[in-house]
Amino acid sequence: MKEQVLPGIGTKYSLTTLDGLNIVIVLHTNGKRELYIVNEDEDVDYNVALTSDEAKDIGLKLIDINHDTIDEAEFERFNIFRKKKIMDWIKVRQGAPVSGLTIGEAEDRSMAEISIVSVNRDEDILPRPDASFGIMEGDVLLVVGEYDAIIEFEERCKSGHG
């Protein structure tokens, strides 16, 4: 798989399957995920935008995480990877419990240790925001932590959860 940084946009991943199908994945810095099927002339035949949850679900299905057909050694490598520190872009939805909190408050109230290392607000990307920086609905937060901590924090960024 080829990787290309798209300045100001995100990262593009390209793959040509054994059948000659060109698949392009674009992971935007704002958290948007797009999947493209491209013909040999590089024209887009089909594209779809995916939410973070949809992309994760598809990824898990592709590695067959919930079935017995996955190679046991491959599954163990995946589990080891999952247990280490990861990072993810998480969008703060309308009515989310973290909206209106400072970064320090959001990190302190997390049941497991996470760190908010960047905020994407509108067109601005704010690296290493201060602990007193206020979180707003619509912000996309770059969060670092263990897998379970990221999942728990992501729930607090959804509306009606707390």
N, C-alpha and C. Protein backbone atom coordinates (compact mmCIF):
# COMPACT_ATOMS: atom_id res chain seq x y z
N MET A 1 0.86 -1.16 0.00
CA MET A 1 0.00 0.00 0.00
C MET A 1 0.90 1.23 0.00
N LYS A 2 0.59 2.16 -0.88
CA LYS A 2 1.35 3.40 -0.96
C LYS A 2 0.71 4.45 -0.06
N GLU A 3 1.55 5.25 0.58
CA GLU A 3 1.08 6.32 1.46
C GLU A 3 1.59 7.65 0.93
N GLN A 4 0.71 8.65 0.92
CA GLN A 4 1.09 9.98 0.45
C GLN A 4 0.46 11.02 1.37
N VAL A 5 1.28 11.92 1.89
CA VAL A 5 0.77 13.01 2.71
C VAL A 5 0.18 14.07 1.78
N LEU A 6 -1.05 14.48 2.09
CA LEU A 6 -1.72 15.53 1.34
C LEU A 6 -1.74 16.78 2.23
N PRO A 7 -0.81 17.71 2.04
CA PRO A 7 -0.70 18.87 2.92
C PRO A 7 -2.02 19.61 3.07
N GLY A 8 -2.39 19.86 4.31
CA GLY A 8 -3.63 20.57 4.61
C GLY A 8 -4.87 19.72 4.50
N ILE A 9 -4.72 18.47 4.05
CA ILE A 9 -5.88 17.58 3.87
C ILE A 9 -5.79 16.37 4.78
N GLY A 10 -4.69 15.65 4.69
CA GLY A 10 -4.55 14.43 5.48
C GLY A 10 -3.58 13.47 4.81
N THR A 11 -3.95 12.20 4.78
CA THR A 11 -3.09 11.16 4.20
C THR A 11 -3.90 10.32 3.22
N LYS A 12 -3.26 10.01 2.11
CA LYS A 12 -3.88 9.19 1.06
C LYS A 12 -3.16 7.84 1.02
N TYR A 13 -3.95 6.77 1.00
CA TYR A 13 -3.42 5.42 0.89
C TYR A 13 -3.97 4.82 -0.40
N SER A 14 -3.09 4.24 -1.22
CA SER A 14 -3.49 3.66 -2.50
C SER A 14 -3.07 2.20 -2.56
N LEU A 15 -3.95 1.39 -3.14
CA LEU A 15 -3.69 -0.04 -3.27
C LEU A 15 -4.29 -0.53 -4.57
N THR A 16 -3.55 -1.34 -5.29
CA THR A 16 -4.09 -2.03 -6.46
C THR A 16 -4.22 -3.50 -6.10
N THR A 17 -5.44 -4.02 -6.21
CA THR A 17 -5.69 -5.42 -5.85
C THR A 17 -5.13 -6.36 -6.91
N LEU A 18 -5.09 -7.65 -6.60
CA LEU A 18 -4.62 -8.64 -7.57
C LEU A 18 -5.49 -8.63 -8.83
N ASP A 19 -6.76 -8.23 -8.69
CA ASP A 19 -7.67 -8.15 -9.82
C ASP A 19 -7.51 -6.86 -10.62
N GLY A 20 -6.59 -5.98 -10.21
CA GLY A 20 -6.34 -4.73 -10.92
C GLY A 20 -7.24 -3.58 -10.50
N LEU A 21 -8.00 -3.75 -9.43
CA LEU A 21 -8.87 -2.69 -8.93
C LEU A 21 -8.05 -1.71 -8.10
N ASN A 22 -8.20 -0.42 -8.39
CA ASN A 22 -7.47 0.62 -7.65
C ASN A 22 -8.36 1.17 -6.54
N ILE A 23 -7.89 1.05 -5.31
CA ILE A 23 -8.62 1.52 -4.14
C ILE A 23 -7.80 2.63 -3.50
N VAL A 24 -8.47 3.75 -3.20
CA VAL A 24 -7.82 4.88 -2.56
C VAL A 24 -8.59 5.21 -1.29
N ILE A 25 -7.87 5.38 -0.20
CA ILE A 25 -8.46 5.78 1.08
C ILE A 25 -7.84 7.12 1.45
N VAL A 26 -8.68 8.10 1.78
CA VAL A 26 -8.18 9.40 2.22
C VAL A 26 -8.65 9.61 3.66
N LEU A 27 -7.67 9.77 4.56
CA LEU A 27 -7.96 10.07 5.96
C LEU A 27 -7.67 11.54 6.16
N HIS A 28 -8.72 12.33 6.29
CA HIS A 28 -8.59 13.78 6.45
C HIS A 28 -8.15 14.12 7.86
N THR A 29 -7.44 15.23 8.01
CA THR A 29 -7.01 15.65 9.34
C THR A 29 -8.19 16.02 10.23
N ASN A 30 -9.35 16.31 9.63
CA ASN A 30 -10.54 16.66 10.42
C ASN A 30 -11.34 15.42 10.83
N GLY A 31 -10.82 14.22 10.53
CA GLY A 31 -11.49 13.00 10.93
C GLY A 31 -12.34 12.36 9.85
N LYS A 32 -12.59 13.07 8.77
CA LYS A 32 -13.39 12.51 7.67
C LYS A 32 -12.60 11.38 7.00
N ARG A 33 -13.31 10.33 6.60
CA ARG A 33 -12.68 9.19 5.93
C ARG A 33 -13.42 8.95 4.63
N GLU A 34 -12.67 8.81 3.54
CA GLU A 34 -13.28 8.56 2.25
C GLU A 34 -12.61 7.36 1.58
N LEU A 35 -13.44 6.59 0.89
CA LEU A 35 -12.97 5.41 0.16
C LEU A 35 -13.35 5.61 -1.31
N TYR A 36 -12.38 5.46 -2.19
CA TYR A 36 -12.60 5.66 -3.62
C TYR A 36 -12.23 4.39 -4.39
N ILE A 37 -13.00 4.09 -5.42
CA ILE A 37 -12.64 3.08 -6.42
C ILE A 37 -12.29 3.90 -7.67
N VAL A 38 -11.06 3.73 -8.16
CA VAL A 38 -10.54 4.57 -9.24
C VAL A 38 -10.16 3.68 -10.42
N ASN A 39 -10.50 4.12 -11.65
CA ASN A 39 -10.14 3.32 -12.83
C ASN A 39 -8.70 3.64 -13.25
N GLU A 40 -8.23 2.95 -14.30
CA GLU A 40 -6.84 3.10 -14.73
C GLU A 40 -6.51 4.51 -15.22
N ASP A 41 -7.52 5.29 -15.62
CA ASP A 41 -7.32 6.69 -16.01
C ASP A 41 -7.35 7.64 -14.82
N GLU A 42 -7.43 7.07 -13.62
CA GLU A 42 -7.52 7.80 -12.36
C GLU A 42 -8.80 8.61 -12.21
N ASP A 43 -9.85 8.21 -12.95
CA ASP A 43 -11.17 8.79 -12.76
C ASP A 43 -11.87 8.01 -11.65
N VAL A 44 -12.64 8.69 -10.84
CA VAL A 44 -13.34 8.05 -9.74
C VAL A 44 -14.58 7.34 -10.27
N ASP A 45 -14.63 6.02 -10.08
CA ASP A 45 -15.81 5.25 -10.46
C ASP A 45 -16.85 5.27 -9.35
N TYR A 46 -16.36 5.30 -8.10
CA TYR A 46 -17.27 5.27 -6.96
C TYR A 46 -16.54 5.80 -5.74
N ASN A 47 -17.26 6.51 -4.88
CA ASN A 47 -16.66 6.93 -3.62
C ASN A 47 -17.72 6.94 -2.53
N VAL A 48 -17.25 6.80 -1.29
CA VAL A 48 -18.14 6.80 -0.14
C VAL A 48 -17.40 7.46 1.03
N ALA A 49 -18.12 8.29 1.78
CA ALA A 49 -17.58 8.88 3.01
C ALA A 49 -18.01 8.00 4.18
N LEU A 50 -17.10 7.78 5.12
CA LEU A 50 -17.38 6.92 6.26
C LEU A 50 -17.17 7.68 7.56
N THR A 51 -18.00 7.39 8.55
CA THR A 51 -17.76 7.93 9.89
C THR A 51 -16.64 7.13 10.52
N SER A 52 -16.14 7.61 11.64
CA SER A 52 -15.09 6.91 12.37
C SER A 52 -15.54 5.50 12.75
N ASP A 53 -16.76 5.39 13.27
CA ASP A 53 -17.28 4.08 13.68
C ASP A 53 -17.45 3.14 12.49
N GLU A 54 -17.93 3.67 11.36
CA GLU A 54 -18.10 2.83 10.16
C GLU A 54 -16.75 2.33 9.67
N ALA A 55 -15.75 3.21 9.66
CA ALA A 55 -14.42 2.81 9.21
C ALA A 55 -13.83 1.73 10.12
N LYS A 56 -14.02 1.90 11.44
CA LYS A 56 -13.52 0.90 12.39
C LYS A 56 -14.23 -0.43 12.19
N ASP A 57 -15.55 -0.40 12.00
CA ASP A 57 -16.31 -1.63 11.79
C ASP A 57 -15.84 -2.35 10.53
N ILE A 58 -15.65 -1.61 9.46
CA ILE A 58 -15.19 -2.22 8.21
C ILE A 58 -13.80 -2.81 8.39
N GLY A 59 -12.90 -2.05 9.05
CA GLY A 59 -11.55 -2.55 9.29
C GLY A 59 -11.55 -3.83 10.09
N LEU A 60 -12.36 -3.89 11.13
CA LEU A 60 -12.44 -5.11 11.95
C LEU A 60 -13.00 -6.28 11.15
N LYS A 61 -13.97 -6.00 10.30
CA LYS A 61 -14.54 -7.08 9.46
C LYS A 61 -13.50 -7.58 8.46
N LEU A 62 -12.73 -6.65 7.89
CA LEU A 62 -11.74 -7.05 6.90
C LEU A 62 -10.64 -7.94 7.49
N ILE A 63 -10.29 -7.71 8.77
CA ILE A 63 -9.31 -8.61 9.38
C ILE A 63 -9.99 -9.77 10.09
N ASP A 64 -11.33 -9.81 9.97
CA ASP A 64 -12.11 -10.96 10.45
C ASP A 64 -11.96 -11.18 11.95
N ILE A 65 -12.00 -10.09 12.72
CA ILE A 65 -11.73 -10.14 14.15
C ILE A 65 -12.75 -10.95 14.94
N ASN A 66 -13.98 -11.07 14.46
CA ASN A 66 -15.02 -11.75 15.22
C ASN A 66 -15.29 -13.18 14.78
N HIS A 67 -14.43 -13.73 13.95
CA HIS A 67 -14.67 -15.08 13.44
C HIS A 67 -13.44 -15.96 13.65
N ASP A 68 -13.62 -17.25 13.48
CA ASP A 68 -12.55 -18.20 13.71
C ASP A 68 -11.59 -18.32 12.54
N THR A 69 -11.85 -17.62 11.43
CA THR A 69 -11.01 -17.78 10.25
C THR A 69 -9.72 -16.97 10.32
N ILE A 70 -9.60 -16.07 11.29
CA ILE A 70 -8.37 -15.29 11.42
C ILE A 70 -7.27 -16.18 11.98
N ASP A 71 -6.06 -16.01 11.46
CA ASP A 71 -4.90 -16.74 11.93
C ASP A 71 -4.65 -16.37 13.40
N GLU A 72 -4.40 -17.37 14.23
CA GLU A 72 -4.26 -17.13 15.67
C GLU A 72 -3.09 -16.18 15.98
N ALA A 73 -1.98 -16.34 15.29
CA ALA A 73 -0.82 -15.45 15.52
C ALA A 73 -1.15 -14.03 15.09
N GLU A 74 -1.88 -13.89 13.99
CA GLU A 74 -2.29 -12.56 13.52
C GLU A 74 -3.22 -11.90 14.53
N PHE A 75 -4.13 -12.67 15.09
CA PHE A 75 -5.05 -12.15 16.10
C PHE A 75 -4.28 -11.69 17.33
N GLU A 76 -3.30 -12.45 17.76
CA GLU A 76 -2.51 -12.08 18.93
C GLU A 76 -1.73 -10.79 18.68
N ARG A 77 -1.15 -10.65 17.48
CA ARG A 77 -0.46 -9.40 17.14
C ARG A 77 -1.43 -8.23 17.19
N PHE A 78 -2.65 -8.43 16.70
CA PHE A 78 -3.66 -7.37 16.73
C PHE A 78 -4.00 -7.01 18.17
N ASN A 79 -4.18 -8.00 19.03
CA ASN A 79 -4.50 -7.74 20.44
C ASN A 79 -3.37 -6.98 21.14
N ILE A 80 -2.13 -7.33 20.85
CA ILE A 80 -1.00 -6.62 21.45
C ILE A 80 -1.02 -5.17 20.98
N PHE A 81 -1.24 -4.95 19.68
CA PHE A 81 -1.31 -3.60 19.13
C PHE A 81 -2.43 -2.81 19.81
N ARG A 82 -3.60 -3.43 19.97
CA ARG A 82 -4.74 -2.75 20.57
C ARG A 82 -4.46 -2.29 21.99
N LYS A 83 -3.65 -3.04 22.72
CA LYS A 83 -3.42 -2.74 24.13
C LYS A 83 -2.38 -1.62 24.32
N LYS A 84 -1.66 -1.27 23.28
CA LYS A 84 -0.67 -0.21 23.38
C LYS A 84 -1.32 1.14 23.15
N LYS A 85 -0.57 2.18 23.34
CA LYS A 85 -1.07 3.53 23.13
C LYS A 85 -1.42 3.73 21.65
N ILE A 86 -2.57 4.34 21.43
CA ILE A 86 -2.99 4.66 20.08
C ILE A 86 -3.47 6.10 20.06
N MET A 87 -3.73 6.63 18.87
CA MET A 87 -4.31 7.95 18.77
C MET A 87 -5.45 7.91 17.77
N ASP A 88 -6.43 8.78 17.98
CA ASP A 88 -7.58 8.83 17.10
C ASP A 88 -8.16 10.24 17.12
N TRP A 89 -8.74 10.63 15.98
CA TRP A 89 -9.47 11.89 15.89
C TRP A 89 -10.90 11.60 16.33
N ILE A 90 -11.41 12.37 17.29
CA ILE A 90 -12.75 12.17 17.82
C ILE A 90 -13.52 13.48 17.73
N LYS A 91 -14.69 13.42 17.10
CA LYS A 91 -15.51 14.63 16.95
C LYS A 91 -16.42 14.80 18.16
N VAL A 92 -16.50 16.04 18.65
CA VAL A 92 -17.38 16.38 19.77
C VAL A 92 -18.76 16.69 19.18
N ARG A 93 -19.71 15.83 19.44
CA ARG A 93 -21.06 15.97 18.89
C ARG A 93 -21.89 16.95 19.70
N GLN A 94 -22.99 17.40 19.10
CA GLN A 94 -23.91 18.31 19.78
C GLN A 94 -24.45 17.65 21.04
N GLY A 95 -24.41 18.35 22.16
CA GLY A 95 -24.91 17.84 23.43
C GLY A 95 -23.97 16.89 24.14
N ALA A 96 -22.74 16.77 23.67
CA ALA A 96 -21.78 15.85 24.29
C ALA A 96 -21.36 16.36 25.67
N PRO A 97 -21.18 15.44 26.63
CA PRO A 97 -20.79 15.84 27.98
C PRO A 97 -19.47 16.62 28.05
N VAL A 98 -18.55 16.41 27.10
CA VAL A 98 -17.27 17.11 27.16
C VAL A 98 -17.36 18.53 26.62
N SER A 99 -18.43 18.84 25.89
CA SER A 99 -18.60 20.19 25.35
C SER A 99 -18.74 21.18 26.49
N GLY A 100 -17.95 22.26 26.43
CA GLY A 100 -17.98 23.27 27.48
C GLY A 100 -16.93 23.05 28.56
N LEU A 101 -16.31 21.87 28.58
CA LEU A 101 -15.23 21.62 29.53
C LEU A 101 -13.92 22.15 28.97
N THR A 102 -12.96 22.40 29.85
CA THR A 102 -11.61 22.69 29.38
C THR A 102 -10.93 21.36 29.07
N ILE A 103 -9.83 21.42 28.36
CA ILE A 103 -9.09 20.19 28.08
C ILE A 103 -8.64 19.54 29.38
N GLY A 104 -8.18 20.33 30.32
CA GLY A 104 -7.78 19.78 31.62
C GLY A 104 -8.90 19.06 32.32
N GLU A 105 -10.10 19.67 32.31
CA GLU A 105 -11.26 19.02 32.95
C GLU A 105 -11.64 17.73 32.23
N ALA A 106 -11.62 17.76 30.91
CA ALA A 106 -11.98 16.56 30.13
C ALA A 106 -11.00 15.43 30.40
N GLU A 107 -9.70 15.76 30.47
CA GLU A 107 -8.70 14.73 30.75
C GLU A 107 -8.83 14.22 32.18
N ASP A 108 -9.07 15.11 33.14
CA ASP A 108 -9.22 14.70 34.54
C ASP A 108 -10.45 13.84 34.77
N ARG A 109 -11.55 14.12 34.06
CA ARG A 109 -12.80 13.37 34.26
C ARG A 109 -12.83 12.05 33.52
N SER A 110 -11.85 11.82 32.67
CA SER A 110 -11.78 10.55 31.95
C SER A 110 -11.47 9.44 32.94
N MET A 111 -12.20 8.32 32.83
CA MET A 111 -11.99 7.21 33.75
C MET A 111 -10.62 6.56 33.54
N ALA A 112 -10.08 6.68 32.36
CA ALA A 112 -8.76 6.14 32.06
C ALA A 112 -7.92 7.28 31.47
N GLU A 113 -6.63 7.12 31.52
CA GLU A 113 -5.74 8.20 31.11
C GLU A 113 -5.75 8.41 29.60
N ILE A 114 -6.08 9.64 29.20
CA ILE A 114 -5.99 10.06 27.80
C ILE A 114 -5.35 11.44 27.79
N SER A 115 -4.83 11.80 26.64
CA SER A 115 -4.29 13.15 26.45
C SER A 115 -4.85 13.71 25.16
N ILE A 116 -5.32 14.94 25.22
CA ILE A 116 -5.80 15.64 24.03
C ILE A 116 -4.61 16.46 23.52
N VAL A 117 -4.08 16.08 22.36
CA VAL A 117 -2.84 16.69 21.88
C VAL A 117 -3.05 17.71 20.76
N SER A 118 -4.25 17.76 20.20
CA SER A 118 -4.53 18.72 19.15
C SER A 118 -6.03 18.89 19.02
N VAL A 119 -6.45 20.07 18.55
CA VAL A 119 -7.85 20.35 18.31
C VAL A 119 -7.99 20.90 16.90
N ASN A 120 -8.91 20.33 16.15
CA ASN A 120 -9.25 20.85 14.84
C ASN A 120 -10.59 21.57 15.00
N ARG A 121 -10.56 22.89 14.88
CA ARG A 121 -11.77 23.70 15.02
C ARG A 121 -11.95 24.47 13.73
N ASP A 122 -13.07 24.20 13.07
CA ASP A 122 -13.35 24.81 11.77
C ASP A 122 -12.17 24.53 10.84
N GLU A 123 -11.51 25.57 10.37
CA GLU A 123 -10.38 25.39 9.45
C GLU A 123 -9.04 25.40 10.16
N ASP A 124 -9.05 25.61 11.48
CA ASP A 124 -7.81 25.73 12.24
C ASP A 124 -7.44 24.42 12.93
N ILE A 125 -6.16 24.09 12.89
CA ILE A 125 -5.64 22.97 13.67
C ILE A 125 -4.76 23.58 14.75
N LEU A 126 -5.11 23.29 16.00
CA LEU A 126 -4.43 23.89 17.14
C LEU A 126 -3.62 22.82 17.86
N PRO A 127 -2.31 22.74 17.60
CA PRO A 127 -1.48 21.73 18.25
C PRO A 127 -1.21 22.08 19.70
N ARG A 128 -1.12 21.09 20.54
CA ARG A 128 -0.78 21.21 21.96
C ARG A 128 -1.54 22.32 22.67
N PRO A 129 -2.86 22.26 22.67
CA PRO A 129 -3.62 23.30 23.35
C PRO A 129 -3.40 23.24 24.87
N ASP A 130 -3.47 24.39 25.49
CA ASP A 130 -3.31 24.52 26.93
C ASP A 130 -4.45 23.82 27.67
N ALA A 131 -4.21 23.42 28.91
CA ALA A 131 -5.23 22.73 29.71
C ALA A 131 -6.46 23.60 29.93
N SER A 132 -6.33 24.92 29.82
CA SER A 132 -7.47 25.82 30.02
C SER A 132 -8.27 26.06 28.73
N PHE A 133 -7.84 25.46 27.63
CA PHE A 133 -8.52 25.63 26.35
C PHE A 133 -9.91 24.98 26.41
N GLY A 134 -10.95 25.72 26.02
CA GLY A 134 -12.32 25.22 26.08
C GLY A 134 -12.70 24.37 24.88
N ILE A 135 -13.34 23.24 25.14
CA ILE A 135 -13.80 22.33 24.09
C ILE A 135 -15.21 22.76 23.67
N MET A 136 -15.44 22.78 22.37
CA MET A 136 -16.74 23.19 21.82
C MET A 136 -17.33 22.08 20.95
N GLU A 137 -18.67 22.09 20.83
CA GLU A 137 -19.32 21.17 19.90
C GLU A 137 -18.74 21.40 18.51
N GLY A 138 -18.52 20.32 17.80
CA GLY A 138 -17.96 20.40 16.45
C GLY A 138 -16.45 20.29 16.41
N ASP A 139 -15.77 20.48 17.55
CA ASP A 139 -14.32 20.31 17.58
C ASP A 139 -13.99 18.85 17.25
N VAL A 140 -12.86 18.65 16.60
CA VAL A 140 -12.34 17.31 16.37
C VAL A 140 -11.04 17.24 17.16
N LEU A 141 -10.99 16.33 18.13
CA LEU A 141 -9.88 16.23 19.07
C LEU A 141 -8.96 15.08 18.69
N LEU A 142 -7.67 15.33 18.67
CA LEU A 142 -6.69 14.26 18.49
C LEU A 142 -6.34 13.77 19.90
N VAL A 143 -6.73 12.53 20.19
CA VAL A 143 -6.61 11.98 21.54
C VAL A 143 -5.64 10.80 21.51
N VAL A 144 -4.76 10.76 22.50
CA VAL A 144 -3.79 9.67 22.64
C VAL A 144 -4.08 8.94 23.95
N GLY A 145 -4.03 7.63 23.91
CA GLY A 145 -4.25 6.83 25.11
C GLY A 145 -4.31 5.36 24.75
N GLU A 146 -4.63 4.56 25.74
CA GLU A 146 -4.81 3.13 25.48
C GLU A 146 -6.16 2.93 24.79
N TYR A 147 -6.28 1.83 24.09
CA TYR A 147 -7.47 1.55 23.29
C TYR A 147 -8.76 1.74 24.09
N ASP A 148 -8.85 1.11 25.25
CA ASP A 148 -10.08 1.20 26.06
C ASP A 148 -10.37 2.63 26.51
N ALA A 149 -9.30 3.39 26.83
CA ALA A 149 -9.48 4.77 27.24
C ALA A 149 -10.01 5.62 26.09
N ILE A 150 -9.51 5.37 24.90
CA ILE A 150 -9.98 6.10 23.71
C ILE A 150 -11.46 5.81 23.48
N ILE A 151 -11.85 4.55 23.57
CA ILE A 151 -13.26 4.16 23.37
C ILE A 151 -14.15 4.82 24.41
N GLU A 152 -13.72 4.82 25.68
CA GLU A 152 -14.50 5.44 26.75
C GLU A 152 -14.63 6.94 26.51
N PHE A 153 -13.55 7.59 26.12
CA PHE A 153 -13.59 9.04 25.88
C PHE A 153 -14.47 9.36 24.65
N GLU A 154 -14.39 8.52 23.64
CA GLU A 154 -15.21 8.74 22.44
C GLU A 154 -16.70 8.72 22.79
N GLU A 155 -17.11 7.86 23.72
CA GLU A 155 -18.50 7.81 24.16
C GLU A 155 -18.91 9.14 24.80
N ARG A 156 -18.00 9.77 25.54
CA ARG A 156 -18.29 11.04 26.19
C ARG A 156 -18.34 12.20 25.19
N CYS A 157 -17.88 11.96 23.97
CA CYS A 157 -17.92 12.98 22.92
C CYS A 157 -19.19 12.86 22.06
N LYS A 158 -20.00 11.86 22.36
CA LYS A 158 -21.27 11.68 21.65
C LYS A 158 -22.38 12.35 22.44
N SER A 159 -23.45 12.73 21.77
CA SER A 159 -24.55 13.41 22.49
C SER A 159 -25.31 12.41 23.35
N GLY A 160 -25.77 12.91 24.50
CA GLY A 160 -26.64 12.12 25.36
C GLY A 160 -25.95 11.04 26.15
N HIS A 161 -24.62 10.99 26.11
CA HIS A 161 -23.87 9.99 26.89
C HIS A 161 -23.14 10.71 28.00
N GLY A 162 -23.01 10.09 29.11
CA GLY A 162 -22.27 10.75 30.17
C GLY A 162 -22.08 9.87 31.32
